[in-house]
Amino acid sequence: MSVSEFAKISWQLILADDPRRIAKLEAKLEAPRTEIVDWLIEETCWSDDLPSLVGHKGTSLERLAALRDVYRRINGTHP
């Protein structure tokens, strides 16, 4: 899988709400969503947007919600 494909599937997983879709995307990435969220917050440039969560701070649901929020804000898809 290419890096761009991995990134595309990762964001689909992070933004998904349907449990069946989540399971399908986790299988494609061979990782649970919590692991992908942690990786993005701890190891990528997304840490610049979420410094209060770096260091594995917050619950998994808080981390997911914050990552979704900043993604949507940056990409102009925030309600």
PDB file of N, CA and C in Angstrom:
ATOM      1  N   MET A   1       0.843  -1.170   0.000  1.00  0.00           N
ATOM      2  CA  MET A   1       0.000   0.000   0.000  1.00  0.00           C
ATOM      3  C   MET A   1       0.897   1.245   0.000  1.00  0.00           C
ATOM      4  N   SER A   2       0.561   2.178  -0.858  1.00  0.00           N
ATOM      5  CA  SER A   2       1.337   3.411  -0.938  1.00  0.00           C
ATOM      6  C   SER A   2       1.042   4.303   0.262  1.00  0.00           C
ATOM      7  N   VAL A   3       1.906   5.264   0.477  1.00  0.00           N
ATOM      8  CA  VAL A   3       1.730   6.210   1.579  1.00  0.00           C
ATOM      9  C   VAL A   3       0.442   7.005   1.388  1.00  0.00           C
ATOM     10  N   SER A   4       0.174   7.446   0.181  1.00  0.00           N
ATOM     11  CA  SER A   4      -1.037   8.239  -0.057  1.00  0.00           C
ATOM     12  C   SER A   4      -2.299   7.398   0.156  1.00  0.00           C
ATOM     13  N   GLU A   5      -2.258   6.131  -0.227  1.00  0.00           N
ATOM     14  CA  GLU A   5      -3.403   5.251  -0.002  1.00  0.00           C
ATOM     15  C   GLU A   5      -3.607   5.008   1.498  1.00  0.00           C
ATOM     16  N   PHE A   6      -2.488   4.815   2.217  1.00  0.00           N
ATOM     17  CA  PHE A   6      -2.552   4.627   3.666  1.00  0.00           C
ATOM     18  C   PHE A   6      -3.184   5.856   4.330  1.00  0.00           C
ATOM     19  N   ALA A   7      -2.753   7.033   3.912  1.00  0.00           N
ATOM     20  CA  ALA A   7      -3.289   8.282   4.479  1.00  0.00           C
ATOM     21  C   ALA A   7      -4.781   8.420   4.177  1.00  0.00           C
ATOM     22  N   LYS A   8      -5.169   8.139   2.947  1.00  0.00           N
ATOM     23  CA  LYS A   8      -6.573   8.248   2.548  1.00  0.00           C
ATOM     24  C   LYS A   8      -7.446   7.309   3.378  1.00  0.00           C
ATOM     25  N   ILE A   9      -7.027   6.074   3.528  1.00  0.00           N
ATOM     26  CA  ILE A   9      -7.793   5.100   4.304  1.00  0.00           C
ATOM     27  C   ILE A   9      -7.797   5.475   5.783  1.00  0.00           C
ATOM     28  N   SER A  10      -6.680   5.996   6.281  1.00  0.00           N
ATOM     29  CA  SER A  10      -6.608   6.416   7.685  1.00  0.00           C
ATOM     30  C   SER A  10      -7.641   7.491   7.984  1.00  0.00           C
ATOM     31  N   TRP A  11      -7.768   8.482   7.113  1.00  0.00           N
ATOM     32  CA  TRP A  11      -8.746   9.552   7.351  1.00  0.00           C
ATOM     33  C   TRP A  11     -10.161   9.048   7.177  1.00  0.00           C
ATOM     34  N   GLN A  12     -10.387   8.118   6.255  1.00  0.00           N
ATOM     35  CA  GLN A  12     -11.716   7.520   6.140  1.00  0.00           C
ATOM     36  C   GLN A  12     -12.076   6.812   7.442  1.00  0.00           C
ATOM     37  N   LEU A  13     -11.108   6.115   8.017  1.00  0.00           N
ATOM     38  CA  LEU A  13     -11.313   5.411   9.280  1.00  0.00           C
ATOM     39  C   LEU A  13     -11.601   6.388  10.415  1.00  0.00           C
ATOM     40  N   ILE A  14     -10.841   7.443  10.503  1.00  0.00           N
ATOM     41  CA  ILE A  14     -11.010   8.416  11.580  1.00  0.00           C
ATOM     42  C   ILE A  14     -12.364   9.111  11.488  1.00  0.00           C
ATOM     43  N   LEU A  15     -12.836   9.355  10.300  1.00  0.00           N
ATOM     44  CA  LEU A  15     -14.098  10.067  10.121  1.00  0.00           C
ATOM     45  C   LEU A  15     -15.316   9.142  10.080  1.00  0.00           C
ATOM     46  N   ALA A  16     -15.103   7.846  10.030  1.00  0.00           N
ATOM     47  CA  ALA A  16     -16.209   6.879   9.941  1.00  0.00           C
ATOM     48  C   ALA A  16     -16.965   6.770  11.262  1.00  0.00           C
ATOM     49  N   ASP A  17     -18.267   6.526  11.159  1.00  0.00           N
ATOM     50  CA  ASP A  17     -19.108   6.305  12.330  1.00  0.00           C
ATOM     51  C   ASP A  17     -19.730   4.903  12.338  1.00  0.00           C
ATOM     52  N   ASP A  18     -19.900   4.317  11.182  1.00  0.00           N
ATOM     53  CA  ASP A  18     -20.532   3.009  11.060  1.00  0.00           C
ATOM     54  C   ASP A  18     -19.568   1.905  11.527  1.00  0.00           C
ATOM     55  N   PRO A  19     -19.953   1.120  12.518  1.00  0.00           N
ATOM     56  CA  PRO A  19     -19.065   0.072  13.044  1.00  0.00           C
ATOM     57  C   PRO A  19     -18.573  -0.928  11.994  1.00  0.00           C
ATOM     58  N   ARG A  20     -19.432  -1.259  11.034  1.00  0.00           N
ATOM     59  CA  ARG A  20     -18.992  -2.199   9.976  1.00  0.00           C
ATOM     60  C   ARG A  20     -17.939  -1.565   9.084  1.00  0.00           C
ATOM     61  N   ARG A  21     -18.135  -0.303   8.768  1.00  0.00           N
ATOM     62  CA  ARG A  21     -17.141   0.425   7.947  1.00  0.00           C
ATOM     63  C   ARG A  21     -15.828   0.553   8.721  1.00  0.00           C
ATOM     64  N   ILE A  22     -15.920   0.861   9.999  1.00  0.00           N
ATOM     65  CA  ILE A  22     -14.727   0.985  10.838  1.00  0.00           C
ATOM     66  C   ILE A  22     -13.955  -0.332  10.832  1.00  0.00           C
ATOM     67  N   ALA A  23     -14.644  -1.436  11.025  1.00  0.00           N
ATOM     68  CA  ALA A  23     -13.995  -2.753  11.045  1.00  0.00           C
ATOM     69  C   ALA A  23     -13.327  -3.062   9.703  1.00  0.00           C
ATOM     70  N   LYS A  24     -13.994  -2.732   8.624  1.00  0.00           N
ATOM     71  CA  LYS A  24     -13.446  -2.978   7.279  1.00  0.00           C
ATOM     72  C   LYS A  24     -12.165  -2.160   7.058  1.00  0.00           C
ATOM     73  N   LEU A  25     -12.199  -0.888   7.450  1.00  0.00           N
ATOM     74  CA  LEU A  25     -11.033  -0.022   7.263  1.00  0.00           C
ATOM     75  C   LEU A  25      -9.883  -0.428   8.187  1.00  0.00           C
ATOM     76  N   GLU A  26     -10.200  -0.830   9.414  1.00  0.00           N
ATOM     77  CA  GLU A  26      -9.166  -1.321  10.325  1.00  0.00           C
ATOM     78  C   GLU A  26      -8.490  -2.560   9.743  1.00  0.00           C
ATOM     79  N   ALA A  27      -9.270  -3.429   9.117  1.00  0.00           N
ATOM     80  CA  ALA A  27      -8.705  -4.634   8.496  1.00  0.00           C
ATOM     81  C   ALA A  27      -7.769  -4.266   7.347  1.00  0.00           C
ATOM     82  N   LYS A  28      -8.159  -3.275   6.551  1.00  0.00           N
ATOM     83  CA  LYS A  28      -7.295  -2.829   5.444  1.00  0.00           C
ATOM     84  C   LYS A  28      -5.962  -2.292   5.961  1.00  0.00           C
ATOM     85  N   LEU A  29      -6.028  -1.533   7.058  1.00  0.00           N
ATOM     86  CA  LEU A  29      -4.819  -0.924   7.614  1.00  0.00           C
ATOM     87  C   LEU A  29      -4.071  -1.862   8.554  1.00  0.00           C
ATOM     88  N   GLU A  30      -4.743  -2.949   8.933  1.00  0.00           N
ATOM     89  CA  GLU A  30      -4.181  -3.914   9.878  1.00  0.00           C
ATOM     90  C   GLU A  30      -3.813  -3.235  11.204  1.00  0.00           C
ATOM     91  N   ALA A  31      -4.701  -2.330  11.636  1.00  0.00           N
ATOM     92  CA  ALA A  31      -4.498  -1.601  12.890  1.00  0.00           C
ATOM     93  C   ALA A  31      -5.837  -1.056  13.361  1.00  0.00           C
ATOM     94  N   PRO A  32      -6.044  -1.019  14.670  1.00  0.00           N
ATOM     95  CA  PRO A  32      -7.276  -0.412  15.186  1.00  0.00           C
ATOM     96  C   PRO A  32      -7.238   1.110  15.067  1.00  0.00           C
ATOM     97  N   ARG A  33      -8.411   1.693  15.036  1.00  0.00           N
ATOM     98  CA  ARG A  33      -8.505   3.144  14.882  1.00  0.00           C
ATOM     99  C   ARG A  33      -7.748   3.880  15.979  1.00  0.00           C
ATOM    100  N   THR A  34      -7.813   3.389  17.212  1.00  0.00           N
ATOM    101  CA  THR A  34      -7.113   4.072  18.302  1.00  0.00           C
ATOM    102  C   THR A  34      -5.613   4.161  18.032  1.00  0.00           C
ATOM    103  N   GLU A  35      -5.066   3.124  17.421  1.00  0.00           N
ATOM    104  CA  GLU A  35      -3.639   3.123  17.090  1.00  0.00           C
ATOM    105  C   GLU A  35      -3.316   4.159  16.010  1.00  0.00           C
ATOM    106  N   ILE A  36      -4.177   4.277  15.025  1.00  0.00           N
ATOM    107  CA  ILE A  36      -3.976   5.261  13.955  1.00  0.00           C
ATOM    108  C   ILE A  36      -4.077   6.674  14.523  1.00  0.00           C
ATOM    109  N   VAL A  37      -5.076   6.914  15.374  1.00  0.00           N
ATOM    110  CA  VAL A  37      -5.232   8.228  16.009  1.00  0.00           C
ATOM    111  C   VAL A  37      -3.991   8.559  16.832  1.00  0.00           C
ATOM    112  N   ASP A  38      -3.547   7.607  17.636  1.00  0.00           N
ATOM    113  CA  ASP A  38      -2.352   7.828  18.458  1.00  0.00           C
ATOM    114  C   ASP A  38      -1.140   8.151  17.600  1.00  0.00           C
ATOM    115  N   TRP A  39      -0.956   7.404  16.535  1.00  0.00           N
ATOM    116  CA  TRP A  39       0.187   7.631  15.644  1.00  0.00           C
ATOM    117  C   TRP A  39       0.141   9.035  15.048  1.00  0.00           C
ATOM    118  N   LEU A  40      -1.031   9.445  14.565  1.00  0.00           N
ATOM    119  CA  LEU A  40      -1.149  10.774  13.965  1.00  0.00           C
ATOM    120  C   LEU A  40      -0.857  11.880  14.977  1.00  0.00           C
ATOM    121  N   ILE A  41      -1.385  11.737  16.189  1.00  0.00           N
ATOM    122  CA  ILE A  41      -1.192  12.777  17.199  1.00  0.00           C
ATOM    123  C   ILE A  41       0.232  12.779  17.741  1.00  0.00           C
ATOM    124  N   GLU A  42       0.813  11.625  17.907  1.00  0.00           N
ATOM    125  CA  GLU A  42       2.126  11.531  18.551  1.00  0.00           C
ATOM    126  C   GLU A  42       3.300  11.632  17.583  1.00  0.00           C
ATOM    127  N   GLU A  43       3.120  11.200  16.331  1.00  0.00           N
ATOM    128  CA  GLU A  43       4.275  11.040  15.442  1.00  0.00           C
ATOM    129  C   GLU A  43       4.252  11.873  14.168  1.00  0.00           C
ATOM    130  N   THR A  44       3.202  12.643  13.949  1.00  0.00           N
ATOM    131  CA  THR A  44       3.134  13.403  12.695  1.00  0.00           C
ATOM    132  C   THR A  44       2.929  14.884  12.984  1.00  0.00           C
ATOM    133  N   CYS A  45       2.817  15.660  11.939  1.00  0.00           N
ATOM    134  CA  CYS A  45       2.632  17.106  12.083  1.00  0.00           C
ATOM    135  C   CYS A  45       1.316  17.471  12.747  1.00  0.00           C
ATOM    136  N   TRP A  46       0.379  16.554  12.871  1.00  0.00           N
ATOM    137  CA  TRP A  46      -0.875  16.833  13.562  1.00  0.00           C
ATOM    138  C   TRP A  46      -0.632  17.154  15.033  1.00  0.00           C
ATOM    139  N   SER A  47       0.510  16.749  15.550  1.00  0.00           N
ATOM    140  CA  SER A  47       0.835  17.091  16.945  1.00  0.00           C
ATOM    141  C   SER A  47       0.930  18.603  17.126  1.00  0.00           C
ATOM    142  N   ASP A  48       1.297  19.327  16.074  1.00  0.00           N
ATOM    143  CA  ASP A  48       1.368  20.791  16.153  1.00  0.00           C
ATOM    144  C   ASP A  48      -0.011  21.401  16.404  1.00  0.00           C
ATOM    145  N   ASP A  49      -1.050  20.752  15.886  1.00  0.00           N
ATOM    146  CA  ASP A  49      -2.409  21.245  16.046  1.00  0.00           C
ATOM    147  C   ASP A  49      -3.072  20.766  17.337  1.00  0.00           C
ATOM    148  N   LEU A  50      -2.499  19.732  17.952  1.00  0.00           N
ATOM    149  CA  LEU A  50      -3.088  19.143  19.150  1.00  0.00           C
ATOM    150  C   LEU A  50      -2.054  18.960  20.267  1.00  0.00           C
ATOM    151  N   PRO A  51      -1.310  20.024  20.605  1.00  0.00           N
ATOM    152  CA  PRO A  51      -0.242  19.876  21.602  1.00  0.00           C
ATOM    153  C   PRO A  51      -0.734  19.438  22.981  1.00  0.00           C
ATOM    154  N   SER A  52      -1.985  19.748  23.308  1.00  0.00           N
ATOM    155  CA  SER A  52      -2.507  19.364  24.627  1.00  0.00           C
ATOM    156  C   SER A  52      -2.737  17.856  24.747  1.00  0.00           C
ATOM    157  N   LEU A  53      -2.713  17.151  23.620  1.00  0.00           N
ATOM    158  CA  LEU A  53      -2.934  15.704  23.640  1.00  0.00           C
ATOM    159  C   LEU A  53      -1.646  14.904  23.459  1.00  0.00           C
ATOM    160  N   VAL A  54      -0.569  15.580  23.077  1.00  0.00           N
ATOM    161  CA  VAL A  54       0.708  14.892  22.893  1.00  0.00           C
ATOM    162  C   VAL A  54       1.170  14.330  24.227  1.00  0.00           C
ATOM    163  N   GLY A  55       1.711  13.135  24.178  1.00  0.00           N
ATOM    164  CA  GLY A  55       2.121  12.450  25.397  1.00  0.00           C
ATOM    165  C   GLY A  55       1.036  11.499  25.873  1.00  0.00           C
ATOM    166  N   HIS A  56       0.191  11.120  24.914  1.00  0.00           N
ATOM    167  CA  HIS A  56      -0.921  10.185  25.173  1.00  0.00           C
ATOM    168  C   HIS A  56      -1.896  10.725  26.219  1.00  0.00           C
ATOM    169  N   LYS A  57      -2.110  12.043  26.196  1.00  0.00           N
ATOM    170  CA  LYS A  57      -3.054  12.670  27.118  1.00  0.00           C
ATOM    171  C   LYS A  57      -4.468  12.585  26.539  1.00  0.00           C
ATOM    172  N   GLY A  58      -5.438  12.486  27.422  1.00  0.00           N
ATOM    173  CA  GLY A  58      -6.833  12.395  27.013  1.00  0.00           C
ATOM    174  C   GLY A  58      -7.252  10.961  26.776  1.00  0.00           C
ATOM    175  N   THR A  59      -8.567  10.757  26.782  1.00  0.00           N
ATOM    176  CA  THR A  59      -9.103   9.427  26.505  1.00  0.00           C
ATOM    177  C   THR A  59      -9.067   9.182  25.000  1.00  0.00           C
ATOM    178  N   SER A  60      -9.266   7.951  24.609  1.00  0.00           N
ATOM    179  CA  SER A  60      -9.266   7.645  23.178  1.00  0.00           C
ATOM    180  C   SER A  60     -10.396   8.386  22.464  1.00  0.00           C
ATOM    181  N   LEU A  61     -11.542   8.534  23.110  1.00  0.00           N
ATOM    182  CA  LEU A  61     -12.651   9.268  22.494  1.00  0.00           C
ATOM    183  C   LEU A  61     -12.347  10.764  22.389  1.00  0.00           C
ATOM    184  N   GLU A  62     -11.713  11.333  23.394  1.00  0.00           N
ATOM    185  CA  GLU A  62     -11.329  12.745  23.336  1.00  0.00           C
ATOM    186  C   GLU A  62     -10.313  12.984  22.232  1.00  0.00           C
ATOM    187  N   ARG A  63      -9.356  12.072  22.101  1.00  0.00           N
ATOM    188  CA  ARG A  63      -8.319  12.197  21.081  1.00  0.00           C
ATOM    189  C   ARG A  63      -8.921  12.097  19.684  1.00  0.00           C
ATOM    190  N   LEU A  64      -9.845  11.146  19.499  1.00  0.00           N
ATOM    191  CA  LEU A  64     -10.517  10.986  18.214  1.00  0.00           C
ATOM    192  C   LEU A  64     -11.331  12.236  17.884  1.00  0.00           C
ATOM    193  N   ALA A  65     -12.115  12.723  18.830  1.00  0.00           N
ATOM    194  CA  ALA A  65     -12.944  13.906  18.598  1.00  0.00           C
ATOM    195  C   ALA A  65     -12.095  15.128  18.260  1.00  0.00           C
ATOM    196  N   ALA A  66     -11.002  15.313  18.968  1.00  0.00           N
ATOM    197  CA  ALA A  66     -10.129  16.468  18.716  1.00  0.00           C
ATOM    198  C   ALA A  66      -9.483  16.372  17.339  1.00  0.00           C
ATOM    199  N   LEU A  67      -9.049  15.190  16.957  1.00  0.00           N
ATOM    200  CA  LEU A  67      -8.426  15.005  15.646  1.00  0.00           C
ATOM    201  C   LEU A  67      -9.442  15.243  14.537  1.00  0.00           C
ATOM    202  N   ARG A  68     -10.644  14.720  14.693  1.00  0.00           N
ATOM    203  CA  ARG A  68     -11.710  14.971  13.719  1.00  0.00           C
ATOM    204  C   ARG A  68     -11.985  16.467  13.606  1.00  0.00           C
ATOM    205  N   ASP A  69     -12.085  17.136  14.741  1.00  0.00           N
ATOM    206  CA  ASP A  69     -12.402  18.557  14.759  1.00  0.00           C
ATOM    207  C   ASP A  69     -11.341  19.377  14.014  1.00  0.00           C
ATOM    208  N   VAL A  70     -10.099  19.154  14.328  1.00  0.00           N
ATOM    209  CA  VAL A  70      -9.041  19.937  13.680  1.00  0.00           C
ATOM    210  C   VAL A  70      -8.950  19.595  12.191  1.00  0.00           C
ATOM    211  N   TYR A  71      -9.150  18.338  11.824  1.00  0.00           N
ATOM    212  CA  TYR A  71      -9.142  17.946  10.410  1.00  0.00           C
ATOM    213  C   TYR A  71     -10.246  18.690   9.658  1.00  0.00           C
ATOM    214  N   ARG A  72     -11.436  18.676  10.226  1.00  0.00           N
ATOM    215  CA  ARG A  72     -12.572  19.332   9.567  1.00  0.00           C
ATOM    216  C   ARG A  72     -12.387  20.839   9.493  1.00  0.00           C
ATOM    217  N   ARG A  73     -11.827  21.413  10.536  1.00  0.00           N
ATOM    218  CA  ARG A  73     -11.572  22.858  10.540  1.00  0.00           C
ATOM    219  C   ARG A  73     -10.561  23.231   9.455  1.00  0.00           C
ATOM    220  N   ILE A  74      -9.492  22.477   9.362  1.00  0.00           N
ATOM    221  CA  ILE A  74      -8.444  22.749   8.376  1.00  0.00           C
ATOM    222  C   ILE A  74      -8.941  22.529   6.962  1.00  0.00           C
ATOM    223  N   ASN A  75      -9.775  21.523   6.786  1.00  0.00           N
ATOM    224  CA  ASN A  75     -10.254  21.168   5.444  1.00  0.00           C
ATOM    225  C   ASN A  75     -11.589  21.807   5.083  1.00  0.00           C
ATOM    226  N   GLY A  76     -12.058  22.703   5.939  1.00  0.00           N
ATOM    227  CA  GLY A  76     -13.275  23.439   5.633  1.00  0.00           C
ATOM    228  C   GLY A  76     -14.536  22.602   5.617  1.00  0.00           C
ATOM    229  N   THR A  77     -14.542  21.500   6.371  1.00  0.00           N
ATOM    230  CA  THR A  77     -15.725  20.652   6.400  1.00  0.00           C
ATOM    231  C   THR A  77     -16.369  20.637   7.767  1.00  0.00           C
ATOM    232  N   HIS A  78     -16.017  21.605   8.610  1.00  0.00           N
ATOM    233  CA  HIS A  78     -16.562  21.660   9.972  1.00  0.00           C
ATOM    234  C   HIS A  78     -17.973  22.235   9.894  1.00  0.00           C
ATOM    235  N   PRO A  79     -18.911  21.582  10.579  1.00  0.00           N
ATOM    236  CA  PRO A  79     -20.306  22.064  10.523  1.00  0.00           C
ATOM    237  C   PRO A  79     -20.466  23.456  11.102  1.00  0.00           C
TER     238      PRO A  79
END
